[in-house]
Amino acid sequence: MDKLFDEVFGERAVFSRWNPHLCKIDGVKYDISIDERLEALRELILKISHNKEDENILVYYMYYDVDNEIISNRHPKKLIY
């Protein structure tokens, strides 16, 4: 992901990282069905495709623990639950 961001410097780049596994919010297990997660992903893709974001570089993390090591601190991000 970092290499791709470097390659498209100055262009719009949005990533969506989608976790199908259980996650925790404030230490509490958050369990949402795969169908609900897929619907949220579909809605996010539609939002992104209609260019409704102000930021040129953004990473969405869907259903990841806040302290997950995969979450980048290098780029603007939004966590979705």
C-alpha atoms as a PDB file:
ATOM      1  CA  MET A   1       0.000   0.000   0.000  1.00  0.00           C
ATOM      2  CA  ASP A   2       2.805   2.425   0.881  1.00  0.00           C
ATOM      3  CA  LYS A   3       4.535   1.781  -2.457  1.00  0.00           C
ATOM      4  CA  LEU A   4       1.312   2.435  -4.346  1.00  0.00           C
ATOM      5  CA  PHE A   5       0.726   5.696  -2.479  1.00  0.00           C
ATOM      6  CA  ASP A   6       4.265   6.753  -3.367  1.00  0.00           C
ATOM      7  CA  GLU A   7       3.627   5.951  -7.035  1.00  0.00           C
ATOM      8  CA  VAL A   8       0.418   7.984  -7.258  1.00  0.00           C
ATOM      9  CA  PHE A   9       1.728  11.035  -5.393  1.00  0.00           C
ATOM     10  CA  GLY A  10      -0.573  13.965  -6.103  1.00  0.00           C
ATOM     11  CA  GLU A  11      -3.400  11.740  -7.345  1.00  0.00           C
ATOM     12  CA  ARG A  12      -6.447  10.447  -5.525  1.00  0.00           C
ATOM     13  CA  ALA A  13      -5.883   7.058  -3.890  1.00  0.00           C
ATOM     14  CA  VAL A  14      -8.387   5.387  -1.595  1.00  0.00           C
ATOM     15  CA  PHE A  15      -7.935   1.953  -0.071  1.00  0.00           C
ATOM     16  CA  SER A  16     -10.504  -0.137   1.703  1.00  0.00           C
ATOM     17  CA  ARG A  17      -9.245  -2.875   3.999  1.00  0.00           C
ATOM     18  CA  TRP A  18     -12.029  -5.239   5.036  1.00  0.00           C
ATOM     19  CA  ASN A  19     -11.700  -7.676   7.919  1.00  0.00           C
ATOM     20  CA  PRO A  20     -14.128 -10.650   7.891  1.00  0.00           C
ATOM     21  CA  HIS A  21     -13.092 -11.750  11.399  1.00  0.00           C
ATOM     22  CA  LEU A  22     -14.333 -10.686  14.809  1.00  0.00           C
ATOM     23  CA  CYS A  23     -13.010  -7.430  16.184  1.00  0.00           C
ATOM     24  CA  LYS A  24     -13.185  -5.532  19.451  1.00  0.00           C
ATOM     25  CA  ILE A  25     -14.317  -2.007  20.187  1.00  0.00           C
ATOM     26  CA  ASP A  26     -13.098  -0.703  23.545  1.00  0.00           C
ATOM     27  CA  GLY A  27     -12.294  -4.291  24.547  1.00  0.00           C
ATOM     28  CA  VAL A  28     -15.807  -5.556  23.766  1.00  0.00           C
ATOM     29  CA  LYS A  29     -16.283  -8.192  21.068  1.00  0.00           C
ATOM     30  CA  TYR A  30     -18.108  -6.716  18.073  1.00  0.00           C
ATOM     31  CA  ASP A  31     -19.833  -9.402  16.049  1.00  0.00           C
ATOM     32  CA  ILE A  32     -21.639  -8.377  12.882  1.00  0.00           C
ATOM     33  CA  SER A  33     -22.705 -10.783  10.156  1.00  0.00           C
ATOM     34  CA  ILE A  34     -20.793 -11.169   6.919  1.00  0.00           C
ATOM     35  CA  ASP A  35     -23.908 -10.035   5.010  1.00  0.00           C
ATOM     36  CA  GLU A  36     -24.062  -6.801   7.021  1.00  0.00           C
ATOM     37  CA  ARG A  37     -20.348  -6.246   6.505  1.00  0.00           C
ATOM     38  CA  LEU A  38     -20.660  -6.823   2.770  1.00  0.00           C
ATOM     39  CA  GLU A  39     -23.552  -4.362   2.578  1.00  0.00           C
ATOM     40  CA  ALA A  40     -21.449  -1.754   4.405  1.00  0.00           C
ATOM     41  CA  LEU A  41     -18.569  -2.441   1.996  1.00  0.00           C
ATOM     42  CA  ARG A  42     -20.899  -2.002  -0.981  1.00  0.00           C
ATOM     43  CA  GLU A  43     -22.114   1.322   0.398  1.00  0.00           C
ATOM     44  CA  LEU A  44     -18.539   2.471   0.983  1.00  0.00           C
ATOM     45  CA  ILE A  45     -17.520   1.568  -2.573  1.00  0.00           C
ATOM     46  CA  LEU A  46     -20.458   3.545  -3.935  1.00  0.00           C
ATOM     47  CA  LYS A  47     -19.514   6.513  -1.751  1.00  0.00           C
ATOM     48  CA  ILE A  48     -15.902   6.374  -2.913  1.00  0.00           C
ATOM     49  CA  SER A  49     -16.886   5.978  -6.581  1.00  0.00           C
ATOM     50  CA  HIS A  50     -19.031   9.100  -6.356  1.00  0.00           C
ATOM     51  CA  ASN A  51     -15.992  11.008  -5.067  1.00  0.00           C
ATOM     52  CA  LYS A  52     -17.614  12.128  -1.819  1.00  0.00           C
ATOM     53  CA  GLU A  53     -14.337  12.365   0.096  1.00  0.00           C
ATOM     54  CA  ASP A  54     -12.309  15.533   0.476  1.00  0.00           C
ATOM     55  CA  GLU A  55      -8.974  13.799   0.984  1.00  0.00           C
ATOM     56  CA  ASN A  56      -6.862  12.570  -1.931  1.00  0.00           C
ATOM     57  CA  ILE A  57      -5.223   9.836   0.125  1.00  0.00           C
ATOM     58  CA  LEU A  58      -7.287   7.823   2.543  1.00  0.00           C
ATOM     59  CA  VAL A  59      -7.391   4.305   3.965  1.00  0.00           C
ATOM     60  CA  TYR A  60     -10.612   2.804   5.301  1.00  0.00           C
ATOM     61  CA  TYR A  61     -10.253  -0.007   7.811  1.00  0.00           C
ATOM     62  CA  MET A  62     -13.497  -1.900   8.183  1.00  0.00           C
ATOM     63  CA  TYR A  63     -13.932  -4.018  11.315  1.00  0.00           C
ATOM     64  CA  TYR A  64     -10.364  -3.902  12.615  1.00  0.00           C
ATOM     65  CA  ASP A  65      -9.386  -3.629  16.282  1.00  0.00           C
ATOM     66  CA  VAL A  66      -8.091  -0.121  16.965  1.00  0.00           C
ATOM     67  CA  ASP A  67      -4.737  -1.530  18.069  1.00  0.00           C
ATOM     68  CA  ASN A  68      -4.336  -3.914  15.125  1.00  0.00           C
ATOM     69  CA  GLU A  69      -0.747  -3.782  13.829  1.00  0.00           C
ATOM     70  CA  ILE A  70      -1.958  -3.682  10.221  1.00  0.00           C
ATOM     71  CA  ILE A  71      -3.397  -0.157  10.671  1.00  0.00           C
ATOM     72  CA  SER A  72      -1.052   2.369   9.114  1.00  0.00           C
ATOM     73  CA  ASN A  73      -0.035   5.547  10.907  1.00  0.00           C
ATOM     74  CA  ARG A  74       1.574   6.946   7.784  1.00  0.00           C
ATOM     75  CA  HIS A  75      -1.632   7.885   5.934  1.00  0.00           C
ATOM     76  CA  PRO A  76      -4.989   9.456   6.800  1.00  0.00           C
ATOM     77  CA  LYS A  77      -7.430   6.754   7.836  1.00  0.00           C
ATOM     78  CA  LYS A  78     -10.950   6.085   8.994  1.00  0.00           C
ATOM     79  CA  LEU A  79     -12.074   3.086  11.012  1.00  0.00           C
ATOM     80  CA  ILE A  80     -15.546   1.790  10.248  1.00  0.00           C
ATOM     81  CA  TYR A  81     -17.655  -0.474  12.472  1.00  0.00           C
END
